[in-house]
Amino acid sequence: MAIDDWNKFLLKLGNHGKALLACLILVPVLWVLGCGSSRAPVAISLTPGATSLTVGQSQTFTAVIANASNTAVSVEERRYG
């Protein structure tokens, strides 16, 4: 019984073997091509990273965007208190 089931499995695998082989080859190739492995990741730095202010004080922040075609920075001011 087990041998018959195994033979049926191998027969089905043989019928779908070409598709399985194609998937096993194409998926890693498409993964590498789609990931853009040759590009550096976008880097964002903000200085100072943290600060403490009292009422009436201000702080200038500098934002730098690297490895991006659009390096524009948007600023949103929030006031608490």
C-alpha atoms as a PDB file:
ATOM      1  CA  MET A   1       0.000   0.000   0.000  1.00  0.00           C
ATOM      2  CA  ALA A   2       2.705   2.457   0.939  1.00  0.00           C
ATOM      3  CA  ILE A   3       4.664   1.623  -2.223  1.00  0.00           C
ATOM      4  CA  ASP A   4       1.597   2.274  -4.384  1.00  0.00           C
ATOM      5  CA  ASP A   5       1.088   5.644  -2.698  1.00  0.00           C
ATOM      6  CA  TRP A   6       4.764   6.457  -3.184  1.00  0.00           C
ATOM      7  CA  ASN A   7       4.561   5.491  -6.869  1.00  0.00           C
ATOM      8  CA  LYS A   8       1.497   7.692  -7.344  1.00  0.00           C
ATOM      9  CA  PHE A   9       3.315  10.564  -5.660  1.00  0.00           C
ATOM     10  CA  LEU A  10       6.351  10.151  -7.921  1.00  0.00           C
ATOM     11  CA  LEU A  11       4.123   9.973 -11.002  1.00  0.00           C
ATOM     12  CA  LYS A  12       2.371  13.201 -10.030  1.00  0.00           C
ATOM     13  CA  LEU A  13       5.702  14.812  -9.254  1.00  0.00           C
ATOM     14  CA  GLY A  14       6.982  13.761 -12.660  1.00  0.00           C
ATOM     15  CA  ASN A  15       3.943  15.326 -14.308  1.00  0.00           C
ATOM     16  CA  HIS A  16       4.542  18.598 -12.473  1.00  0.00           C
ATOM     17  CA  GLY A  17       8.318  18.330 -12.358  1.00  0.00           C
ATOM     18  CA  LYS A  18       9.008  20.883 -15.078  1.00  0.00           C
ATOM     19  CA  ALA A  19       6.843  23.490 -13.402  1.00  0.00           C
ATOM     20  CA  LEU A  20       8.411  22.754 -10.040  1.00  0.00           C
ATOM     21  CA  LEU A  21      11.917  23.024 -11.487  1.00  0.00           C
ATOM     22  CA  ALA A  22      11.039  26.290 -13.208  1.00  0.00           C
ATOM     23  CA  CYS A  23       9.734  27.725  -9.922  1.00  0.00           C
ATOM     24  CA  LEU A  24      12.817  26.596  -8.031  1.00  0.00           C
ATOM     25  CA  ILE A  25      15.011  28.408 -10.561  1.00  0.00           C
ATOM     26  CA  LEU A  26      12.892  31.499 -11.238  1.00  0.00           C
ATOM     27  CA  VAL A  27      11.970  32.461  -7.682  1.00  0.00           C
ATOM     28  CA  PRO A  28      15.558  33.079  -6.462  1.00  0.00           C
ATOM     29  CA  VAL A  29      16.480  34.841  -9.717  1.00  0.00           C
ATOM     30  CA  LEU A  30      13.470  37.154  -9.521  1.00  0.00           C
ATOM     31  CA  TRP A  31      14.146  37.735  -5.817  1.00  0.00           C
ATOM     32  CA  VAL A  32      17.686  38.946  -6.503  1.00  0.00           C
ATOM     33  CA  LEU A  33      16.641  41.082  -9.447  1.00  0.00           C
ATOM     34  CA  GLY A  34      13.652  42.569  -7.636  1.00  0.00           C
ATOM     35  CA  CYS A  35      15.456  43.428  -4.438  1.00  0.00           C
ATOM     36  CA  GLY A  36      17.763  45.911  -6.118  1.00  0.00           C
ATOM     37  CA  SER A  37      20.708  44.402  -4.312  1.00  0.00           C
ATOM     38  CA  SER A  38      23.107  46.803  -6.036  1.00  0.00           C
ATOM     39  CA  ARG A  39      21.464  49.883  -4.482  1.00  0.00           C
ATOM     40  CA  ALA A  40      22.471  51.277  -1.143  1.00  0.00           C
ATOM     41  CA  PRO A  41      19.604  51.659   1.355  1.00  0.00           C
ATOM     42  CA  VAL A  42      18.155  55.094   2.002  1.00  0.00           C
ATOM     43  CA  ALA A  43      19.747  56.665   5.067  1.00  0.00           C
ATOM     44  CA  ILE A  44      18.140  59.391   7.177  1.00  0.00           C
ATOM     45  CA  SER A  45      19.933  61.256   9.922  1.00  0.00           C
ATOM     46  CA  LEU A  46      18.544  63.932  12.213  1.00  0.00           C
ATOM     47  CA  THR A  47      20.709  65.991  14.535  1.00  0.00           C
ATOM     48  CA  PRO A  48      20.360  66.507  17.371  1.00  0.00           C
ATOM     49  CA  GLY A  49      18.527  63.241  17.950  1.00  0.00           C
ATOM     50  CA  ALA A  50      16.931  64.522  21.159  1.00  0.00           C
ATOM     51  CA  THR A  51      16.853  67.774  23.075  1.00  0.00           C
ATOM     52  CA  SER A  52      15.208  69.344  26.103  1.00  0.00           C
ATOM     53  CA  LEU A  53      13.788  72.825  25.907  1.00  0.00           C
ATOM     54  CA  THR A  54      12.093  75.160  28.314  1.00  0.00           C
ATOM     55  CA  VAL A  55       9.375  77.650  27.408  1.00  0.00           C
ATOM     56  CA  GLY A  56      10.666  80.278  25.004  1.00  0.00           C
ATOM     57  CA  GLN A  57      13.682  78.315  23.806  1.00  0.00           C
ATOM     58  CA  SER A  58      14.145  77.062  20.263  1.00  0.00           C
ATOM     59  CA  GLN A  59      16.253  74.374  18.657  1.00  0.00           C
ATOM     60  CA  THR A  60      17.468  74.006  15.091  1.00  0.00           C
ATOM     61  CA  PHE A  61      17.455  70.516  13.659  1.00  0.00           C
ATOM     62  CA  THR A  62      19.379  69.304  10.622  1.00  0.00           C
ATOM     63  CA  ALA A  63      18.032  66.471   8.484  1.00  0.00           C
ATOM     64  CA  VAL A  64      20.163  64.673   5.894  1.00  0.00           C
ATOM     65  CA  ILE A  65      18.779  62.142   3.414  1.00  0.00           C
ATOM     66  CA  ALA A  66      21.290  59.951   1.535  1.00  0.00           C
ATOM     67  CA  ASN A  67      20.952  57.414  -1.299  1.00  0.00           C
ATOM     68  CA  ALA A  68      17.569  58.728  -2.454  1.00  0.00           C
ATOM     69  CA  SER A  69      16.552  60.499  -5.645  1.00  0.00           C
ATOM     70  CA  ASN A  70      14.299  62.823  -3.615  1.00  0.00           C
ATOM     71  CA  THR A  71      16.110  64.318  -0.631  1.00  0.00           C
ATOM     72  CA  ALA A  72      13.412  66.835   0.279  1.00  0.00           C
ATOM     73  CA  VAL A  73      12.488  67.108   3.951  1.00  0.00           C
ATOM     74  CA  SER A  74       9.084  68.118   5.316  1.00  0.00           C
ATOM     75  CA  VAL A  75       8.818  69.591   8.789  1.00  0.00           C
ATOM     76  CA  GLU A  76       5.799  69.468  11.049  1.00  0.00           C
ATOM     77  CA  GLU A  77       5.818  71.600  14.158  1.00  0.00           C
ATOM     78  CA  ARG A  78       3.990  70.339  17.217  1.00  0.00           C
ATOM     79  CA  ARG A  79       3.531  72.306  20.361  1.00  0.00           C
ATOM     80  CA  TYR A  80       2.698  70.646  23.622  1.00  0.00           C
ATOM     81  CA  GLY A  81       1.592  72.200  26.825  1.00  0.00           C
END
